[in-house]
C-alpha atoms as a PDB file:
ATOM      1  CA  MET A   1      -0.159  -0.161   0.232  1.00  0.00           C
ATOM      2  CA  SER A   2       0.915   3.301  -0.862  1.00  0.00           C
ATOM      3  CA  SER A   3       2.460   5.894   2.280  1.00  0.00           C
ATOM      4  CA  THR A   4       1.401   9.066   0.537  1.00  0.00           C
ATOM      5  CA  PRO A   5      -1.197  10.544  -1.121  1.00  0.00           C
ATOM      6  CA  PRO A   6      -1.807  10.036  -4.874  1.00  0.00           C
ATOM      7  CA  ASP A   7      -1.562  12.971  -7.088  1.00  0.00           C
ATOM      8  CA  SER A   8      -4.789  15.340  -7.330  1.00  0.00           C
ATOM      9  CA  ALA A   9      -6.324  14.108 -10.961  1.00  0.00           C
ATOM     10  CA  ALA A  10      -7.078  10.248  -9.113  1.00  0.00           C
ATOM     11  CA  GLU A  11     -10.520   9.996  -7.969  1.00  0.00           C
ATOM     12  CA  PRO A  12     -11.339   9.614  -4.227  1.00  0.00           C
ATOM     13  CA  ILE A  13     -12.683   6.525  -2.805  1.00  0.00           C
ATOM     14  CA  ILE A  14     -14.505   8.799   0.289  1.00  0.00           C
ATOM     15  CA  GLU A  15     -14.762  12.528  -0.092  1.00  0.00           C
ATOM     16  CA  VAL A  16     -15.578  14.098   3.087  1.00  0.00           C
ATOM     17  CA  ASP A  17     -16.737  17.822   3.069  1.00  0.00           C
ATOM     18  CA  SER A  18     -17.390  20.235   5.925  1.00  0.00           C
ATOM     19  CA  LEU A  19     -19.145  17.557   7.772  1.00  0.00           C
ATOM     20  CA  VAL A  20     -20.856  19.053  10.766  1.00  0.00           C
ATOM     21  CA  ARG A  21     -22.585  17.188  13.433  1.00  0.00           C
ATOM     22  CA  HIS A  22     -25.073  18.484  16.394  1.00  0.00           C
ATOM     23  CA  PHE A  23     -27.142  16.388  19.080  1.00  0.00           C
ATOM     24  CA  GLY A  24     -29.669  18.986  20.584  1.00  0.00           C
ATOM     25  CA  LYS A  25     -26.661  21.859  21.795  1.00  0.00           C
ATOM     26  CA  GLN A  26     -23.996  19.909  20.965  1.00  0.00           C
ATOM     27  CA  THR A  27     -21.428  20.033  18.255  1.00  0.00           C
ATOM     28  CA  VAL A  28     -19.409  16.132  18.064  1.00  0.00           C
ATOM     29  CA  LEU A  29     -19.030  16.909  14.415  1.00  0.00           C
ATOM     30  CA  ASN A  30     -17.390  20.348  13.499  1.00  0.00           C
ATOM     31  CA  GLY A  31     -15.927  20.811   9.871  1.00  0.00           C
ATOM     32  CA  VAL A  32     -14.789  17.717   9.201  1.00  0.00           C
ATOM     33  CA  SER A  33     -12.741  17.324   6.071  1.00  0.00           C
ATOM     34  CA  PHE A  34     -11.111  14.935   4.050  1.00  0.00           C
ATOM     35  CA  LYS A  35     -10.569  12.308   1.415  1.00  0.00           C
ATOM     36  CA  VAL A  36      -9.188   8.566   1.122  1.00  0.00           C
ATOM     37  CA  TYR A  37      -7.541   7.333  -1.625  1.00  0.00           C
ATOM     38  CA  ALA A  38      -7.464   4.226  -3.235  1.00  0.00           C
ATOM     39  CA  GLY A  39      -4.721   1.644  -1.512  1.00  0.00           C
ATOM     40  CA  ASP A  40      -5.460   4.273   1.779  1.00  0.00           C
ATOM     41  CA  THR A  41      -5.865   2.746   5.265  1.00  0.00           C
ATOM     42  CA  PHE A  42      -7.171   5.544   6.937  1.00  0.00           C
ATOM     43  CA  VAL A  43      -6.761   5.588  10.381  1.00  0.00           C
ATOM     44  CA  ILE A  44      -9.304   8.277  12.157  1.00  0.00           C
ATOM     45  CA  MET A  45      -8.067   8.260  16.022  1.00  0.00           C
ATOM     46  CA  GLY A  46      -8.599  10.428  19.125  1.00  0.00           C
ATOM     47  CA  GLY A  47      -9.390  10.514  22.531  1.00  0.00           C
ATOM     48  CA  SER A  48     -12.528   9.301  23.733  1.00  0.00           C
ATOM     49  CA  GLY A  49     -15.453  11.186  22.769  1.00  0.00           C
ATOM     50  CA  CYS A  50     -14.306  13.501  20.054  1.00  0.00           C
ATOM     51  CA  GLY A  51     -16.710  12.067  17.348  1.00  0.00           C
ATOM     52  CA  LYS A  52     -14.781   8.751  15.986  1.00  0.00           C
ATOM     53  CA  SER A  53     -17.792   6.559  16.225  1.00  0.00           C
ATOM     54  CA  THR A  54     -19.996   9.236  14.650  1.00  0.00           C
ATOM     55  CA  LEU A  55     -17.836   9.751  11.876  1.00  0.00           C
ATOM     56  CA  LEU A  56     -17.883   6.136  11.441  1.00  0.00           C
ATOM     57  CA  ARG A  57     -21.561   6.220  11.355  1.00  0.00           C
ATOM     58  CA  HIS A  58     -21.946   8.764   9.017  1.00  0.00           C
ATOM     59  CA  LEU A  59     -19.532   7.018   5.720  1.00  0.00           C
ATOM     60  CA  ILE A  60     -21.323   3.830   6.333  1.00  0.00           C
ATOM     61  CA  GLY A  61     -24.848   5.771   6.094  1.00  0.00           C
ATOM     62  CA  THR A  62     -26.341   4.884   9.515  1.00  0.00           C
ATOM     63  CA  GLU A  63     -26.593   8.596  10.338  1.00  0.00           C
ATOM     64  CA  LYS A  64     -26.995  11.720   8.964  1.00  0.00           C
ATOM     65  CA  PRO A  65     -25.306  15.162   9.281  1.00  0.00           C
ATOM     66  CA  THR A  66     -26.538  18.323  10.273  1.00  0.00           C
ATOM     67  CA  SER A  67     -24.818  19.591   7.304  1.00  0.00           C
ATOM     68  CA  GLY A  68     -21.948  18.828   4.794  1.00  0.00           C
ATOM     69  CA  SER A  69     -21.601  16.074   2.130  1.00  0.00           C
ATOM     70  CA  ILE A  70     -20.343  12.737   1.977  1.00  0.00           C
ATOM     71  CA  LYS A  71     -18.862  10.749  -1.359  1.00  0.00           C
ATOM     72  CA  VAL A  72     -18.371   7.279  -1.118  1.00  0.00           C
ATOM     73  CA  PHE A  73     -17.149   5.884  -5.148  1.00  0.00           C
ATOM     74  CA  GLY A  74     -18.350   9.509  -6.009  1.00  0.00           C
ATOM     75  CA  GLN A  75     -21.876   8.754  -5.196  1.00  0.00           C
ATOM     76  CA  GLU A  76     -23.550  11.180  -2.697  1.00  0.00           C
ATOM     77  CA  ILE A  77     -25.091   9.669   0.558  1.00  0.00           C
ATOM     78  CA  THR A  78     -25.950  12.256   2.642  1.00  0.00           C
ATOM     79  CA  THR A  79     -29.035  12.391   0.645  1.00  0.00           C
ATOM     80  CA  MET A  80     -29.762   9.150  -0.950  1.00  0.00           C
ATOM     81  CA  ARG A  81     -32.880   6.400  -1.125  1.00  0.00           C
ATOM     82  CA  ALA A  82     -32.571   4.023   1.458  1.00  0.00           C
ATOM     83  CA  ASP A  83     -32.977   1.087  -1.278  1.00  0.00           C
ATOM     84  CA  ALA A  84     -29.831   2.665  -2.709  1.00  0.00           C
ATOM     85  CA  MET A  85     -28.004   3.081   0.170  1.00  0.00           C
ATOM     86  CA  GLN A  86     -28.788  -0.832   0.609  1.00  0.00           C
ATOM     87  CA  LYS A  87     -26.953  -2.124  -2.365  1.00  0.00           C
ATOM     88  CA  LEU A  88     -23.702   0.961  -1.817  1.00  0.00           C
ATOM     89  CA  ARG A  89     -23.501  -1.522   1.047  1.00  0.00           C
ATOM     90  CA  GLY A  90     -23.644  -4.362  -0.761  1.00  0.00           C
ATOM     91  CA  ARG A  91     -20.113  -3.178  -1.865  1.00  0.00           C
ATOM     92  CA  TYR A  92     -18.189  -2.476   1.903  1.00  0.00           C
ATOM     93  CA  GLY A  93     -17.176  -4.931   4.166  1.00  0.00           C
ATOM     94  CA  MET A  94     -17.759  -3.884   7.992  1.00  0.00           C
ATOM     95  CA  LEU A  95     -15.626  -4.936  10.752  1.00  0.00           C
ATOM     96  CA  PHE A  96     -16.369  -3.952  14.640  1.00  0.00           C
ATOM     97  CA  GLN A  97     -16.056  -3.471  18.311  1.00  0.00           C
ATOM     98  CA  SER A  98     -17.494  -6.786  19.439  1.00  0.00           C
ATOM     99  CA  GLY A  99     -16.854  -8.420  16.407  1.00  0.00           C
ATOM    100  CA  ALA A 100     -20.497  -8.115  16.456  1.00  0.00           C
ATOM    101  CA  LEU A 101     -21.222 -11.559  15.225  1.00  0.00           C
ATOM    102  CA  LEU A 102     -25.090 -12.376  15.547  1.00  0.00           C
ATOM    103  CA  GLN A 103     -24.975 -14.280  18.544  1.00  0.00           C
ATOM    104  CA  SER A 104     -27.887 -17.132  16.964  1.00  0.00           C
ATOM    105  CA  LEU A 105     -25.543 -17.829  14.641  1.00  0.00           C
ATOM    106  CA  THR A 106     -23.003 -19.987  13.949  1.00  0.00           C
ATOM    107  CA  VAL A 107     -19.309 -19.020  12.721  1.00  0.00           C
ATOM    108  CA  ALA A 108     -20.072 -20.152   9.858  1.00  0.00           C
ATOM    109  CA  GLU A 109     -23.275 -18.501   9.158  1.00  0.00           C
ATOM    110  CA  ASN A 110     -21.961 -15.715  10.289  1.00  0.00           C
ATOM    111  CA  VAL A 111     -19.132 -15.930   7.596  1.00  0.00           C
ATOM    112  CA  ALA A 112     -22.508 -16.526   5.378  1.00  0.00           C
ATOM    113  CA  LEU A 113     -24.362 -13.523   5.656  1.00  0.00           C
ATOM    114  CA  PRO A 114     -23.271 -10.694   3.029  1.00  0.00           C
ATOM    115  CA  LEU A 115     -22.609 -14.021   0.549  1.00  0.00           C
ATOM    116  CA  VAL A 116     -26.713 -14.346   1.327  1.00  0.00           C
ATOM    117  CA  GLU A 117     -27.886 -11.039   1.058  1.00  0.00           C
ATOM    118  CA  HIS A 118     -25.714  -9.510  -1.953  1.00  0.00           C
ATOM    119  CA  THR A 119     -24.924 -12.487  -4.217  1.00  0.00           C
ATOM    120  CA  ARG A 120     -27.384 -15.310  -5.279  1.00  0.00           C
ATOM    121  CA  LEU A 121     -25.004 -17.891  -5.019  1.00  0.00           C
ATOM    122  CA  ASP A 122     -26.188 -21.000  -3.868  1.00  0.00           C
ATOM    123  CA  ALA A 123     -26.016 -22.674  -1.243  1.00  0.00           C
ATOM    124  CA  GLY A 124     -23.342 -24.933  -1.903  1.00  0.00           C
ATOM    125  CA  LEU A 125     -20.787 -22.514  -3.224  1.00  0.00           C
ATOM    126  CA  ILE A 126     -21.325 -20.274  -0.271  1.00  0.00           C
ATOM    127  CA  ASP A 127     -20.616 -23.290   1.900  1.00  0.00           C
ATOM    128  CA  THR A 128     -16.723 -23.270  -0.188  1.00  0.00           C
ATOM    129  CA  VAL A 129     -16.462 -18.869   0.220  1.00  0.00           C
ATOM    130  CA  VAL A 130     -16.817 -19.577   4.060  1.00  0.00           C
ATOM    131  CA  LYS A 131     -15.001 -22.261   4.359  1.00  0.00           C
ATOM    132  CA  MET A 132     -12.216 -20.671   3.042  1.00  0.00           C
ATOM    133  CA  LYS A 133     -12.839 -17.163   4.205  1.00  0.00           C
ATOM    134  CA  LEU A 134     -12.611 -19.432   7.508  1.00  0.00           C
ATOM    135  CA  GLU A 135      -9.367 -20.849   6.722  1.00  0.00           C
ATOM    136  CA  GLN A 136      -7.849 -17.824   5.323  1.00  0.00           C
ATOM    137  CA  VAL A 137      -8.083 -16.847   9.208  1.00  0.00           C
ATOM    138  CA  GLY A 138      -6.735 -19.313  10.489  1.00  0.00           C
ATOM    139  CA  LEU A 139     -10.337 -21.144  12.075  1.00  0.00           C
ATOM    140  CA  THR A 140     -10.779 -24.120  10.012  1.00  0.00           C
ATOM    141  CA  GLY A 141     -13.001 -26.338  11.772  1.00  0.00           C
ATOM    142  CA  HIS A 142     -14.849 -23.849  14.295  1.00  0.00           C
ATOM    143  CA  GLY A 143     -17.340 -23.079  11.647  1.00  0.00           C
ATOM    144  CA  HIS A 144     -19.709 -25.167  13.725  1.00  0.00           C
ATOM    145  CA  LYS A 145     -19.745 -23.723  17.244  1.00  0.00           C
ATOM    146  CA  LYS A 146     -21.371 -20.177  18.493  1.00  0.00           C
ATOM    147  CA  PRO A 147     -19.491 -17.398  18.683  1.00  0.00           C
ATOM    148  CA  SER A 148     -20.248 -18.309  23.124  1.00  0.00           C
ATOM    149  CA  GLU A 149     -17.846 -20.936  22.532  1.00  0.00           C
ATOM    150  CA  ILE A 150     -14.766 -19.218  20.654  1.00  0.00           C
ATOM    151  CA  SER A 151     -12.387 -16.258  22.473  1.00  0.00           C
ATOM    152  CA  GLY A 152     -12.478 -12.975  22.274  1.00  0.00           C
ATOM    153  CA  GLY A 153      -9.534 -13.507  19.705  1.00  0.00           C
ATOM    154  CA  MET A 154     -11.191 -15.817  16.907  1.00  0.00           C
ATOM    155  CA  LYS A 155     -14.495 -13.724  17.611  1.00  0.00           C
ATOM    156  CA  LYS A 156     -11.912 -10.345  15.198  1.00  0.00           C
ATOM    157  CA  ARG A 157     -10.741 -13.092  13.038  1.00  0.00           C
ATOM    158  CA  ALA A 158     -14.621 -14.306  12.278  1.00  0.00           C
ATOM    159  CA  ALA A 159     -15.598 -11.098  11.984  1.00  0.00           C
ATOM    160  CA  LEU A 160     -12.878 -10.376   9.299  1.00  0.00           C
ATOM    161  CA  ALA A 161     -13.572 -13.351   7.841  1.00  0.00           C
ATOM    162  CA  ARG A 162     -17.572 -11.502   7.566  1.00  0.00           C
ATOM    163  CA  ALA A 163     -16.006  -8.639   6.738  1.00  0.00           C
ATOM    164  CA  LEU A 164     -14.080  -9.818   3.609  1.00  0.00           C
ATOM    165  CA  ALA A 165     -16.824 -12.365   2.747  1.00  0.00           C
ATOM    166  CA  LEU A 166     -17.892 -10.077  -0.570  1.00  0.00           C
ATOM    167  CA  ASP A 167     -14.337  -9.613  -1.474  1.00  0.00           C
ATOM    168  CA  PRO A 168     -14.913  -5.389  -1.016  1.00  0.00           C
ATOM    169  CA  PRO A 169     -13.076  -2.754  -2.230  1.00  0.00           C
ATOM    170  CA  LEU A 170     -13.943  -0.912   0.673  1.00  0.00           C
ATOM    171  CA  VAL A 171     -13.449  -2.343   4.366  1.00  0.00           C
ATOM    172  CA  PHE A 172     -14.756  -0.130   7.449  1.00  0.00           C
ATOM    173  CA  SER A 173     -13.320  -1.085  10.648  1.00  0.00           C
ATOM    174  CA  ASP A 174     -14.180   0.710  14.047  1.00  0.00           C
ATOM    175  CA  GLU A 175     -11.630  -0.588  16.982  1.00  0.00           C
ATOM    176  CA  PRO A 176     -10.805  -3.627  15.463  1.00  0.00           C
ATOM    177  CA  THR A 177      -8.155  -4.621  18.067  1.00  0.00           C
ATOM    178  CA  ALA A 178     -10.133  -3.220  21.553  1.00  0.00           C
ATOM    179  CA  GLY A 179     -10.050  -6.240  24.175  1.00  0.00           C
ATOM    180  CA  LEU A 180      -7.391  -7.918  22.754  1.00  0.00           C
ATOM    181  CA  ASP A 181      -3.727  -8.232  24.361  1.00  0.00           C
ATOM    182  CA  PRO A 182      -0.737  -6.946  22.631  1.00  0.00           C
ATOM    183  CA  ILE A 183       0.153 -10.768  20.497  1.00  0.00           C
ATOM    184  CA  MET A 184      -3.327 -10.896  19.303  1.00  0.00           C
ATOM    185  CA  THR A 185      -3.046  -7.498  18.496  1.00  0.00           C
ATOM    186  CA  ALA A 186      -0.972  -7.873  16.372  1.00  0.00           C
ATOM    187  CA  VAL A 187      -2.104 -11.077  14.853  1.00  0.00           C
ATOM    188  CA  VAL A 188      -5.447  -9.453  13.928  1.00  0.00           C
ATOM    189  CA  ASP A 189      -3.542  -6.161  12.625  1.00  0.00           C
ATOM    190  CA  GLU A 190      -1.142  -8.279  10.184  1.00  0.00           C
ATOM    191  CA  LEU A 191      -4.274 -10.220   8.954  1.00  0.00           C
ATOM    192  CA  THR A 192      -6.604  -7.390   8.125  1.00  0.00           C
ATOM    193  CA  GLN A 193      -3.254  -5.833   6.316  1.00  0.00           C
ATOM    194  CA  ARG A 194      -2.768  -8.992   4.709  1.00  0.00           C
ATOM    195  CA  LEU A 195      -6.071  -9.785   3.402  1.00  0.00           C
ATOM    196  CA  THR A 196      -7.302  -6.660   2.383  1.00  0.00           C
ATOM    197  CA  GLN A 197      -3.906  -6.231   0.545  1.00  0.00           C
ATOM    198  CA  LYS A 198      -4.707  -9.727  -1.587  1.00  0.00           C
ATOM    199  CA  ILE A 199      -7.847  -8.670  -2.740  1.00  0.00           C
ATOM    200  CA  GLY A 200      -6.789  -4.678  -3.240  1.00  0.00           C
ATOM    201  CA  ALA A 201      -9.282  -3.424  -0.503  1.00  0.00           C
ATOM    202  CA  THR A 202      -8.751   0.331   0.635  1.00  0.00           C
ATOM    203  CA  VAL A 203      -8.986   0.321   4.742  1.00  0.00           C
ATOM    204  CA  VAL A 204     -10.945   2.702   7.193  1.00  0.00           C
ATOM    205  CA  VAL A 205      -9.996   2.268  10.442  1.00  0.00           C
ATOM    206  CA  VAL A 206     -11.175   3.937  14.395  1.00  0.00           C
ATOM    207  CA  THR A 207      -8.177   3.169  17.033  1.00  0.00           C
ATOM    208  CA  HIS A 208      -7.275   4.867  19.484  1.00  0.00           C
ATOM    209  CA  ASP A 209      -4.582   1.669  20.241  1.00  0.00           C
ATOM    210  CA  MET A 210      -0.914   3.710  18.818  1.00  0.00           C
ATOM    211  CA  ASN A 211       0.611   0.687  17.732  1.00  0.00           C
ATOM    212  CA  SER A 212      -1.877  -0.225  15.028  1.00  0.00           C
ATOM    213  CA  VAL A 213      -1.980   3.426  14.714  1.00  0.00           C
ATOM    214  CA  PHE A 214       1.458   3.195  12.780  1.00  0.00           C
ATOM    215  CA  ARG A 215       1.530  -0.569  12.128  1.00  0.00           C
ATOM    216  CA  ILE A 216      -1.327  -0.036   9.376  1.00  0.00           C
ATOM    217  CA  GLY A 217      -1.905   3.799   8.479  1.00  0.00           C
ATOM    218  CA  THR A 218      -0.616   4.960   5.610  1.00  0.00           C
ATOM    219  CA  ARG A 219      -2.464   7.912   5.859  1.00  0.00           C
ATOM    220  CA  ILE A 220      -3.883   9.488   9.588  1.00  0.00           C
ATOM    221  CA  ILE A 221      -6.341  12.092  10.635  1.00  0.00           C
ATOM    222  CA  MET A 222      -6.708  13.323  14.664  1.00  0.00           C
ATOM    223  CA  LEU A 223      -9.545  14.520  15.600  1.00  0.00           C
ATOM    224  CA  GLY A 224      -9.698  17.188  19.006  1.00  0.00           C
ATOM    225  CA  THR A 225     -11.940  17.326  21.932  1.00  0.00           C
ATOM    226  CA  GLY A 226     -12.159  20.577  24.263  1.00  0.00           C
ATOM    227  CA  ALA A 227     -12.390  23.855  22.535  1.00  0.00           C
ATOM    228  CA  ASN A 228     -11.198  21.241  19.106  1.00  0.00           C
ATOM    229  CA  GLN A 229     -14.460  18.559  20.048  1.00  0.00           C
ATOM    230  CA  GLY A 230     -15.113  17.309  16.583  1.00  0.00           C
ATOM    231  CA  ARG A 231     -12.693  19.286  14.423  1.00  0.00           C
ATOM    232  CA  VAL A 232      -9.263  17.737  12.953  1.00  0.00           C
ATOM    233  CA  ILE A 233      -6.007  18.279  14.269  1.00  0.00           C
ATOM    234  CA  ALA A 234      -4.248  16.798  12.651  1.00  0.00           C
ATOM    235  CA  SER A 235      -3.225  14.715   9.519  1.00  0.00           C
ATOM    236  CA  GLY A 236      -0.517  13.031   7.382  1.00  0.00           C
ATOM    237  CA  THR A 237       1.400  10.017   6.807  1.00  0.00           C
ATOM    238  CA  PRO A 238       2.506   8.769   9.517  1.00  0.00           C
ATOM    239  CA  ASP A 239       6.058  10.378   9.583  1.00  0.00           C
ATOM    240  CA  GLU A 240       4.164  13.645   9.918  1.00  0.00           C
ATOM    241  CA  ILE A 241       1.592  12.841  13.161  1.00  0.00           C
ATOM    242  CA  ARG A 242       5.135  11.346  14.574  1.00  0.00           C
ATOM    243  CA  GLY A 243       6.525  14.716  13.634  1.00  0.00           C
ATOM    244  CA  HIS A 244       3.380  16.906  14.313  1.00  0.00           C
ATOM    245  CA  PRO A 245       3.906  19.968  16.812  1.00  0.00           C
ATOM    246  CA  ASP A 246       0.820  20.364  17.911  1.00  0.00           C
ATOM    247  CA  PRO A 247       0.797  19.656  21.581  1.00  0.00           C
ATOM    248  CA  ALA A 248      -2.425  17.540  21.952  1.00  0.00           C
ATOM    249  CA  VAL A 249      -1.059  15.463  19.399  1.00  0.00           C
ATOM    250  CA  GLN A 250       2.110  14.304  20.791  1.00  0.00           C
ATOM    251  CA  GLN A 251       0.077  14.034  23.841  1.00  0.00           C
ATOM    252  CA  PHE A 252      -2.239  11.634  22.198  1.00  0.00           C
ATOM    253  CA  ILE A 253       0.732   9.508  20.432  1.00  0.00           C
ATOM    254  CA  ASN A 254       3.076   9.055  23.563  1.00  0.00           C
ATOM    255  CA  GLY A 255       0.828   8.786  26.201  1.00  0.00           C
ATOM    256  CA  ASP A 256      -1.983   5.698  27.364  1.00  0.00           C
ATOM    257  CA  PRO A 257      -4.986   7.372  25.413  1.00  0.00           C
ATOM    258  CA  GLN A 258      -8.287   6.536  26.586  1.00  0.00           C
ATOM    259  CA  GLY A 259     -10.548   4.048  23.797  1.00  0.00           C
ATOM    260  CA  ASP A 260     -14.907   4.623  23.471  1.00  0.00           C
ATOM    261  CA  GLY A 261     -14.875   0.911  24.560  1.00  0.00           C
ATOM    262  CA  GLY A 262     -17.208  -1.419  23.451  1.00  0.00           C
ATOM    263  CA  ASP A 263     -21.043  -0.377  24.729  1.00  0.00           C
ATOM    264  CA  GLY A 264     -23.356  -3.760  23.514  1.00  0.00           C
ATOM    265  CA  SER A 265     -23.952  -1.858  20.203  1.00  0.00           C
ATOM    266  CA  GLY A 266     -21.701  -3.541  17.897  1.00  0.00           C
ATOM    267  CA  GLU A 267     -23.997  -6.037  17.149  1.00  0.00           C
ATOM    268  CA  LEU A 268     -27.185  -3.498  16.204  1.00  0.00           C
ATOM    269  CA  LEU A 269     -24.605  -1.523  13.965  1.00  0.00           C
ATOM    270  CA  TYR A 270     -24.273  -4.681  12.370  1.00  0.00           C
ATOM    271  CA  ARG A 271     -27.366  -5.187  11.455  1.00  0.00           C
ATOM    272  CA  GLU A 272     -28.300  -1.734  10.920  1.00  0.00           C
ATOM    273  CA  THR A 273     -25.483  -1.640   7.953  1.00  0.00           C
ATOM    274  CA  LEU A 274     -26.081  -5.247   6.455  1.00  0.00           C
ATOM    275  CA  LEU A 275     -29.424  -6.431   7.141  1.00  0.00           C
ATOM    276  CA  GLY A 276     -30.579  -2.507   6.399  1.00  0.00           C
ATOM    277  CA  LEU A 277     -34.384  -1.810   7.907  1.00  0.00           C
ATOM    278  CA  ASN A 278     -37.177  -1.820   5.864  1.00  0.00           C
ATOM    279  CA  GLU A 279     -40.132   0.296   5.361  1.00  0.00           C
ATOM    280  CA  THR A 280     -41.793  -0.058   8.970  1.00  0.00           C
ATOM    281  CA  GLY A 281     -38.521   0.314  10.672  1.00  0.00           C
ATOM    282  CA  LEU A 282     -38.563  -3.142  11.173  1.00  0.00           C
ATOM    283  CA  TYR A 283     -35.039  -5.133  10.702  1.00  0.00           C
ATOM    284  CA  SER A 284     -34.920  -7.264   7.574  1.00  0.00           C
ATOM    285  CA  ARG A 285     -34.683 -10.923   8.118  1.00  0.00           C
ATOM    286  CA  SER A 286     -34.208 -12.719   5.269  1.00  0.00           C
ATOM    287  CA  ALA A 287     -29.873 -12.794   5.513  1.00  0.00           C
ATOM    288  CA  ILE A 288     -31.145 -14.424   8.568  1.00  0.00           C
ATOM    289  CA  HIS A 289     -33.571 -16.667   7.652  1.00  0.00           C
ATOM    290  CA  SER A 290     -32.067 -17.971   4.782  1.00  0.00           C
ATOM    291  CA  SER A 291     -28.853 -18.654   6.370  1.00  0.00           C
ATOM    292  CA  GLN A 292     -30.771 -21.146   8.818  1.00  0.00           C
ATOM    293  CA  SER A 293     -32.690 -22.936   6.171  1.00  0.00           C
END
């Protein structure tokens, strides 16, 4: 992957312009602008409450901004119809805090969900793809287990297999190593890099783990807090971020920043993004029903 932005003639995969989000009188995102180019591993970092996860929700279309625009694959998503947004979601993978595996399904059924929802492959081909993806993340022989029967690191790897089931050109990852020890964090980082490079995916990662930031990031932005709440206070390559003159940036990367932590919403967010909401506001059950049949 390239560690520097491409020339200005290249079309960005994601383009965010002057994004603002208010919740009542509280401003969470304040004039956020950036571009993500093909081949980037683009990292969004910052302290707890800076708006990282809120920004991610805007990028995947589950929240609408107060003002500003977001283009994904050249399409403006802030005004996109629900059916068009659901179709667009078939072009990206998602890896969230805690893995967000659906507890009622086996590991294999979880990995199969994107294939059931977004393709017309028959059951035999889906089973073949699922086995291949589980093998790639070192989970051969574990597909029949429920998420409650595997370790935290295995859950993250199963979620990675699900995120990459469709070989998507774009992958979103929210605190993918939260709760893992340093060794398993490095394993998940290495797997993510290796597998996304293999399929040529562009990756957007939200994390507070500095080891991960500098291990996987090719371009990085940092969101501020306090007087700079929800603003981009630093942007650049890993070397540029390491040498950034802002004391707040240096304190964050050299200190012991605290992440947002898991809030139990990972499974809900996964349902929102993959399965979608139908016109009555209820979750589509087609993927779950198909995978269990």
